[in-house]
Each structure stands twice: as structure tokens, then as C-alpha cells.
Amino acid sequence: MEFKTNIPIYLQVIEDIKQKIIAGTLPLGSKLPSSRELAIEYQINPNTAARIYSEMESMGLSYTRRGIGTFVTEDDRVIDDLKKERIEEIIQSFDEQLTGMGFSQNEILELLKEHFGK
């Protein structure tokens, strides 16, 4: 993974893991790599990996069982919320780009109707 310099690494890794959860690559309840394995996988500091899991747990994305490991949440509502959050981000970006090109909301809706009406 190539990291952007303007966004903290731990947030970028969390976003990558969120995307894997949304896509189903990391199913509900699946075991996540240990902090050490995560650090190796993303080529990051082990302390950063530990922070990632701590942040994910506070976000409700994961839970830890002492002595067993860290797991993806089993709460499908959390995943639904993640999907809604991601959809909103995509729509917002899409809207900003097209209105920035001078399209009105009605024109954007017509373009979408044309695209999906195929």
C-alpha cells in the first residue's frame, strides 16, 4: 500500500481495512492478523498497528478476545453504517466534481438516468 503524506498512516490503514470489510474480503467475525502481522503486512511500526486496532475497537469495527486475538465485528448494523458512510462519500465527491464542471443537479440526474437506462 502506498501511503499519502497528508493523511496519518493509521487512518489510511483503517480505511483500507474498512474497504475490505465492506467488500466482504474480511467477513463478519473473522480473525484479524496480530498487531505484529499487521505491521509486517502494511510495513508500518508495531505501535501504529496497535493504535489501528485500538481505534477500530473504539469505532465498533472490531473486538479483542484476550489471548485469542482481534476479530471483525459481528454486528451487521455496523457494516450497514460503513456502507452508508462510503456511499455518502462517493455521492458527495461525484456531486462536487460534476457541479464543478458546471452541471446542474437536474442535468446530473438526467445523465444518471441515461447511463442506467442502457
N, C-alpha and C. Protein backbone atom coordinates (compact mmCIF):
# COMPACT_ATOMS: atom_id res chain seq x y z
N MET A 1 0.85 -1.18 0.00
CA MET A 1 0.00 0.00 0.00
C MET A 1 0.89 1.23 0.00
N GLU A 2 0.57 2.18 -0.88
CA GLU A 2 1.29 3.44 -0.89
C GLU A 2 0.54 4.44 -0.02
N PHE A 3 1.26 5.04 0.91
CA PHE A 3 0.63 5.97 1.83
C PHE A 3 0.73 7.39 1.32
N LYS A 4 -0.34 8.15 1.56
CA LYS A 4 -0.37 9.57 1.23
C LYS A 4 0.29 10.31 2.38
N THR A 5 1.03 11.36 2.07
CA THR A 5 1.76 12.08 3.11
C THR A 5 0.88 13.01 3.94
N ASN A 6 -0.29 13.39 3.41
CA ASN A 6 -1.13 14.36 4.12
C ASN A 6 -2.17 13.74 5.05
N ILE A 7 -2.21 12.40 5.12
CA ILE A 7 -3.17 11.70 5.98
C ILE A 7 -2.39 10.74 6.87
N PRO A 8 -2.67 10.74 8.19
CA PRO A 8 -1.94 9.83 9.07
C PRO A 8 -2.05 8.37 8.60
N ILE A 9 -0.95 7.65 8.71
CA ILE A 9 -0.88 6.27 8.24
C ILE A 9 -1.94 5.39 8.89
N TYR A 10 -2.14 5.55 10.19
CA TYR A 10 -3.10 4.68 10.87
C TYR A 10 -4.51 4.85 10.30
N LEU A 11 -4.87 6.08 9.91
CA LEU A 11 -6.19 6.32 9.32
C LEU A 11 -6.29 5.69 7.93
N GLN A 12 -5.20 5.72 7.18
CA GLN A 12 -5.21 5.11 5.85
C GLN A 12 -5.36 3.60 5.94
N VAL A 13 -4.69 2.99 6.91
CA VAL A 13 -4.81 1.54 7.09
C VAL A 13 -6.23 1.19 7.54
N ILE A 14 -6.79 1.98 8.44
CA ILE A 14 -8.16 1.73 8.89
C ILE A 14 -9.11 1.81 7.70
N GLU A 15 -8.93 2.79 6.83
CA GLU A 15 -9.79 2.91 5.64
C GLU A 15 -9.63 1.70 4.73
N ASP A 16 -8.42 1.19 4.60
CA ASP A 16 -8.19 0.01 3.79
C ASP A 16 -8.90 -1.21 4.38
N ILE A 17 -8.82 -1.34 5.69
CA ILE A 17 -9.48 -2.46 6.37
C ILE A 17 -11.00 -2.31 6.26
N LYS A 18 -11.50 -1.08 6.41
CA LYS A 18 -12.94 -0.83 6.25
C LYS A 18 -13.40 -1.29 4.87
N GLN A 19 -12.61 -0.95 3.85
CA GLN A 19 -12.97 -1.33 2.48
C GLN A 19 -13.02 -2.84 2.34
N LYS A 20 -12.10 -3.54 2.98
CA LYS A 20 -12.09 -5.00 2.93
C LYS A 20 -13.30 -5.58 3.65
N ILE A 21 -13.72 -4.94 4.71
CA ILE A 21 -14.92 -5.38 5.44
C ILE A 21 -16.16 -5.17 4.57
N ILE A 22 -16.27 -3.98 3.97
CA ILE A 22 -17.42 -3.67 3.11
C ILE A 22 -17.49 -4.64 1.94
N ALA A 23 -16.33 -4.93 1.34
CA ALA A 23 -16.28 -5.81 0.17
C ALA A 23 -16.50 -7.27 0.53
N GLY A 24 -16.41 -7.59 1.82
CA GLY A 24 -16.60 -8.97 2.25
C GLY A 24 -15.32 -9.79 2.25
N THR A 25 -14.21 -9.16 1.92
CA THR A 25 -12.91 -9.84 1.97
C THR A 25 -12.58 -10.22 3.41
N LEU A 26 -13.02 -9.38 4.32
CA LEU A 26 -12.92 -9.66 5.76
C LEU A 26 -14.35 -9.81 6.29
N PRO A 27 -14.87 -11.03 6.31
CA PRO A 27 -16.26 -11.23 6.75
C PRO A 27 -16.47 -10.94 8.24
N LEU A 28 -17.73 -10.72 8.59
CA LEU A 28 -18.09 -10.51 9.99
C LEU A 28 -17.53 -11.64 10.86
N GLY A 29 -16.94 -11.28 11.99
CA GLY A 29 -16.43 -12.27 12.93
C GLY A 29 -15.11 -12.89 12.55
N SER A 30 -14.54 -12.51 11.40
CA SER A 30 -13.27 -13.12 11.00
C SER A 30 -12.11 -12.58 11.84
N LYS A 31 -11.13 -13.44 12.04
CA LYS A 31 -9.97 -13.08 12.84
C LYS A 31 -9.05 -12.18 12.03
N LEU A 32 -8.62 -11.10 12.65
CA LEU A 32 -7.68 -10.19 12.01
C LEU A 32 -6.25 -10.61 12.35
N PRO A 33 -5.28 -10.21 11.54
CA PRO A 33 -3.90 -10.55 11.87
C PRO A 33 -3.50 -9.93 13.21
N SER A 34 -2.50 -10.52 13.84
CA SER A 34 -2.00 -9.92 15.08
C SER A 34 -1.41 -8.55 14.76
N SER A 35 -1.19 -7.74 15.77
CA SER A 35 -0.59 -6.42 15.56
C SER A 35 0.75 -6.54 14.85
N ARG A 36 1.52 -7.52 15.26
CA ARG A 36 2.84 -7.73 14.63
C ARG A 36 2.68 -8.09 13.16
N GLU A 37 1.73 -8.99 12.85
CA GLU A 37 1.49 -9.39 11.46
C GLU A 37 0.96 -8.21 10.64
N LEU A 38 0.10 -7.40 11.25
CA LEU A 38 -0.43 -6.22 10.57
C LEU A 38 0.70 -5.24 10.25
N ALA A 39 1.61 -5.06 11.19
CA ALA A 39 2.76 -4.18 10.99
C ALA A 39 3.61 -4.66 9.81
N ILE A 40 3.81 -5.96 9.71
CA ILE A 40 4.60 -6.52 8.62
C ILE A 40 3.84 -6.36 7.30
N GLU A 41 2.55 -6.69 7.31
CA GLU A 41 1.73 -6.63 6.10
C GLU A 41 1.71 -5.24 5.49
N TYR A 42 1.57 -4.21 6.33
CA TYR A 42 1.48 -2.84 5.83
C TYR A 42 2.82 -2.10 5.91
N GLN A 43 3.85 -2.77 6.40
CA GLN A 43 5.18 -2.18 6.56
C GLN A 43 5.10 -0.90 7.39
N ILE A 44 4.52 -1.05 8.58
CA ILE A 44 4.36 0.06 9.50
C ILE A 44 4.96 -0.30 10.85
N ASN A 45 5.07 0.68 11.70
CA ASN A 45 5.58 0.49 13.05
C ASN A 45 4.58 -0.35 13.86
N PRO A 46 5.07 -1.30 14.68
CA PRO A 46 4.16 -2.10 15.51
C PRO A 46 3.26 -1.27 16.44
N ASN A 47 3.76 -0.13 16.90
CA ASN A 47 2.93 0.75 17.73
C ASN A 47 1.77 1.33 16.93
N THR A 48 2.02 1.62 15.66
CA THR A 48 0.96 2.11 14.78
C THR A 48 -0.09 1.03 14.58
N ALA A 49 0.36 -0.21 14.41
CA ALA A 49 -0.57 -1.33 14.24
C ALA A 49 -1.45 -1.49 15.48
N ALA A 50 -0.85 -1.37 16.65
CA ALA A 50 -1.62 -1.47 17.89
C ALA A 50 -2.64 -0.33 17.98
N ARG A 51 -2.24 0.86 17.54
CA ARG A 51 -3.16 2.00 17.56
C ARG A 51 -4.32 1.77 16.61
N ILE A 52 -4.05 1.16 15.47
CA ILE A 52 -5.09 0.87 14.49
C ILE A 52 -6.17 0.00 15.13
N TYR A 53 -5.75 -1.06 15.80
CA TYR A 53 -6.74 -1.95 16.42
C TYR A 53 -7.47 -1.26 17.57
N SER A 54 -6.77 -0.42 18.29
CA SER A 54 -7.41 0.33 19.38
C SER A 54 -8.48 1.26 18.81
N GLU A 55 -8.15 1.98 17.74
CA GLU A 55 -9.10 2.89 17.10
C GLU A 55 -10.29 2.13 16.52
N MET A 56 -9.99 1.00 15.86
CA MET A 56 -11.07 0.20 15.26
C MET A 56 -12.03 -0.31 16.32
N GLU A 57 -11.47 -0.68 17.47
CA GLU A 57 -12.31 -1.18 18.55
C GLU A 57 -13.20 -0.05 19.08
N SER A 58 -12.64 1.15 19.21
CA SER A 58 -13.44 2.28 19.71
C SER A 58 -14.51 2.69 18.69
N MET A 59 -14.29 2.37 17.41
CA MET A 59 -15.27 2.66 16.36
C MET A 59 -16.33 1.56 16.24
N GLY A 60 -16.12 0.47 16.97
CA GLY A 60 -17.06 -0.65 16.91
C GLY A 60 -16.82 -1.57 15.72
N LEU A 61 -15.69 -1.42 15.05
CA LEU A 61 -15.37 -2.24 13.88
C LEU A 61 -14.77 -3.58 14.24
N SER A 62 -14.22 -3.67 15.44
CA SER A 62 -13.58 -4.92 15.86
C SER A 62 -13.72 -5.09 17.37
N TYR A 63 -13.35 -6.28 17.81
CA TYR A 63 -13.31 -6.55 19.25
C TYR A 63 -12.15 -7.50 19.49
N THR A 64 -11.65 -7.47 20.71
CA THR A 64 -10.50 -8.30 21.07
C THR A 64 -10.89 -9.29 22.14
N ARG A 65 -10.45 -10.52 21.95
CA ARG A 65 -10.60 -11.54 22.98
C ARG A 65 -9.20 -11.81 23.52
N ARG A 66 -9.02 -11.47 24.76
CA ARG A 66 -7.71 -11.60 25.38
C ARG A 66 -7.14 -12.99 25.17
N GLY A 67 -5.92 -13.05 24.66
CA GLY A 67 -5.23 -14.30 24.46
C GLY A 67 -5.62 -15.04 23.18
N ILE A 68 -6.66 -14.54 22.50
CA ILE A 68 -7.12 -15.20 21.27
C ILE A 68 -6.84 -14.34 20.05
N GLY A 69 -7.16 -13.05 20.14
CA GLY A 69 -6.89 -12.15 19.03
C GLY A 69 -7.96 -11.10 18.83
N THR A 70 -7.84 -10.41 17.71
CA THR A 70 -8.78 -9.35 17.35
C THR A 70 -9.62 -9.83 16.18
N PHE A 71 -10.91 -9.51 16.23
CA PHE A 71 -11.86 -10.00 15.24
C PHE A 71 -12.69 -8.86 14.68
N VAL A 72 -13.14 -9.04 13.44
CA VAL A 72 -14.07 -8.09 12.82
C VAL A 72 -15.38 -8.19 13.59
N THR A 73 -16.03 -7.07 13.80
CA THR A 73 -17.31 -7.07 14.49
C THR A 73 -18.28 -8.08 13.87
N GLU A 74 -19.19 -8.56 14.66
CA GLU A 74 -20.22 -9.47 14.17
C GLU A 74 -21.55 -8.74 14.00
N ASP A 75 -21.54 -7.44 14.26
CA ASP A 75 -22.74 -6.61 14.19
C ASP A 75 -22.92 -6.10 12.76
N ASP A 76 -23.88 -6.67 12.04
CA ASP A 76 -24.08 -6.26 10.66
C ASP A 76 -24.60 -4.83 10.52
N ARG A 77 -25.14 -4.26 11.60
CA ARG A 77 -25.56 -2.85 11.56
C ARG A 77 -24.35 -1.94 11.38
N VAL A 78 -23.23 -2.32 11.99
CA VAL A 78 -22.00 -1.54 11.85
C VAL A 78 -21.56 -1.54 10.39
N ILE A 79 -21.67 -2.70 9.75
CA ILE A 79 -21.29 -2.82 8.35
C ILE A 79 -22.24 -2.01 7.47
N ASP A 80 -23.53 -2.07 7.77
CA ASP A 80 -24.50 -1.26 7.03
C ASP A 80 -24.18 0.22 7.15
N ASP A 81 -23.81 0.66 8.36
CA ASP A 81 -23.43 2.05 8.57
C ASP A 81 -22.18 2.41 7.78
N LEU A 82 -21.21 1.48 7.73
CA LEU A 82 -20.00 1.70 6.94
C LEU A 82 -20.34 1.89 5.47
N LYS A 83 -21.22 1.05 4.97
CA LYS A 83 -21.63 1.13 3.57
C LYS A 83 -22.32 2.47 3.29
N LYS A 84 -23.22 2.88 4.18
CA LYS A 84 -23.92 4.16 4.01
C LYS A 84 -22.93 5.32 4.03
N GLU A 85 -21.96 5.25 4.94
CA GLU A 85 -20.94 6.29 5.04
C GLU A 85 -20.14 6.37 3.73
N ARG A 86 -19.74 5.22 3.21
CA ARG A 86 -18.96 5.17 1.98
C ARG A 86 -19.77 5.68 0.79
N ILE A 87 -21.06 5.28 0.72
CA ILE A 87 -21.93 5.75 -0.37
C ILE A 87 -22.06 7.26 -0.32
N GLU A 88 -22.23 7.81 0.87
CA GLU A 88 -22.36 9.26 1.01
C GLU A 88 -21.09 9.96 0.55
N GLU A 89 -19.92 9.42 0.88
CA GLU A 89 -18.65 10.00 0.44
C GLU A 89 -18.55 9.98 -1.09
N ILE A 90 -18.94 8.87 -1.69
CA ILE A 90 -18.86 8.74 -3.15
C ILE A 90 -19.81 9.72 -3.83
N ILE A 91 -21.04 9.79 -3.33
CA ILE A 91 -22.03 10.70 -3.92
C ILE A 91 -21.59 12.15 -3.76
N GLN A 92 -21.06 12.50 -2.60
CA GLN A 92 -20.60 13.87 -2.35
C GLN A 92 -19.48 14.23 -3.32
N SER A 93 -18.52 13.34 -3.50
CA SER A 93 -17.42 13.58 -4.42
C SER A 93 -17.92 13.69 -5.86
N PHE A 94 -18.81 12.79 -6.24
CA PHE A 94 -19.41 12.79 -7.57
C PHE A 94 -20.12 14.12 -7.83
N ASP A 95 -20.93 14.54 -6.87
CA ASP A 95 -21.67 15.79 -6.98
C ASP A 95 -20.72 16.98 -7.12
N GLU A 96 -19.69 17.03 -6.28
CA GLU A 96 -18.74 18.14 -6.32
C GLU A 96 -18.01 18.20 -7.66
N GLN A 97 -17.65 17.04 -8.18
CA GLN A 97 -16.94 17.01 -9.45
C GLN A 97 -17.82 17.49 -10.60
N LEU A 98 -19.06 16.98 -10.66
CA LEU A 98 -19.93 17.36 -11.77
C LEU A 98 -20.44 18.79 -11.66
N THR A 99 -20.78 19.23 -10.45
CA THR A 99 -21.20 20.63 -10.32
C THR A 99 -20.02 21.56 -10.59
N GLY A 100 -18.81 21.08 -10.26
CA GLY A 100 -17.61 21.85 -10.57
C GLY A 100 -17.36 21.97 -12.07
N MET A 101 -17.94 21.06 -12.83
CA MET A 101 -17.83 21.10 -14.29
C MET A 101 -18.98 21.91 -14.89
N GLY A 102 -19.87 22.41 -14.02
CA GLY A 102 -20.94 23.27 -14.49
C GLY A 102 -22.29 22.59 -14.68
N PHE A 103 -22.40 21.32 -14.33
CA PHE A 103 -23.68 20.62 -14.47
C PHE A 103 -24.60 20.99 -13.31
N SER A 104 -25.88 21.15 -13.64
CA SER A 104 -26.89 21.38 -12.59
C SER A 104 -27.30 20.03 -12.03
N GLN A 105 -28.02 20.05 -10.91
CA GLN A 105 -28.49 18.79 -10.33
C GLN A 105 -29.45 18.07 -11.28
N ASN A 106 -30.29 18.82 -11.98
CA ASN A 106 -31.20 18.20 -12.94
C ASN A 106 -30.42 17.54 -14.08
N GLU A 107 -29.38 18.20 -14.55
CA GLU A 107 -28.56 17.62 -15.62
C GLU A 107 -27.86 16.34 -15.13
N ILE A 108 -27.39 16.38 -13.90
CA ILE A 108 -26.73 15.20 -13.32
C ILE A 108 -27.71 14.04 -13.25
N LEU A 109 -28.94 14.31 -12.80
CA LEU A 109 -29.96 13.26 -12.73
C LEU A 109 -30.26 12.69 -14.11
N GLU A 110 -30.33 13.55 -15.11
CA GLU A 110 -30.58 13.08 -16.48
C GLU A 110 -29.42 12.21 -16.98
N LEU A 111 -28.20 12.62 -16.67
CA LEU A 111 -27.03 11.82 -17.06
C LEU A 111 -27.08 10.44 -16.41
N LEU A 112 -27.47 10.40 -15.14
CA LEU A 112 -27.58 9.12 -14.44
C LEU A 112 -28.68 8.25 -15.05
N LYS A 113 -29.81 8.87 -15.37
CA LYS A 113 -30.91 8.12 -15.99
C LYS A 113 -30.47 7.54 -17.33
N GLU A 114 -29.74 8.35 -18.11
CA GLU A 114 -29.24 7.88 -19.40
C GLU A 114 -28.27 6.71 -19.22
N HIS A 115 -27.40 6.88 -18.25
CA HIS A 115 -26.38 5.84 -18.01
C HIS A 115 -27.02 4.53 -17.59
N PHE A 116 -27.92 4.58 -16.64
CA PHE A 116 -28.50 3.35 -16.11
C PHE A 116 -29.68 2.85 -16.94
N GLY A 117 -30.16 3.69 -17.88
CA GLY A 117 -31.24 3.27 -18.74
C GLY A 117 -30.79 2.42 -19.90
N LYS A 118 -29.49 2.25 -20.03
CA LYS A 118 -28.94 1.47 -21.14
C LYS A 118 -29.30 0.02 -21.05
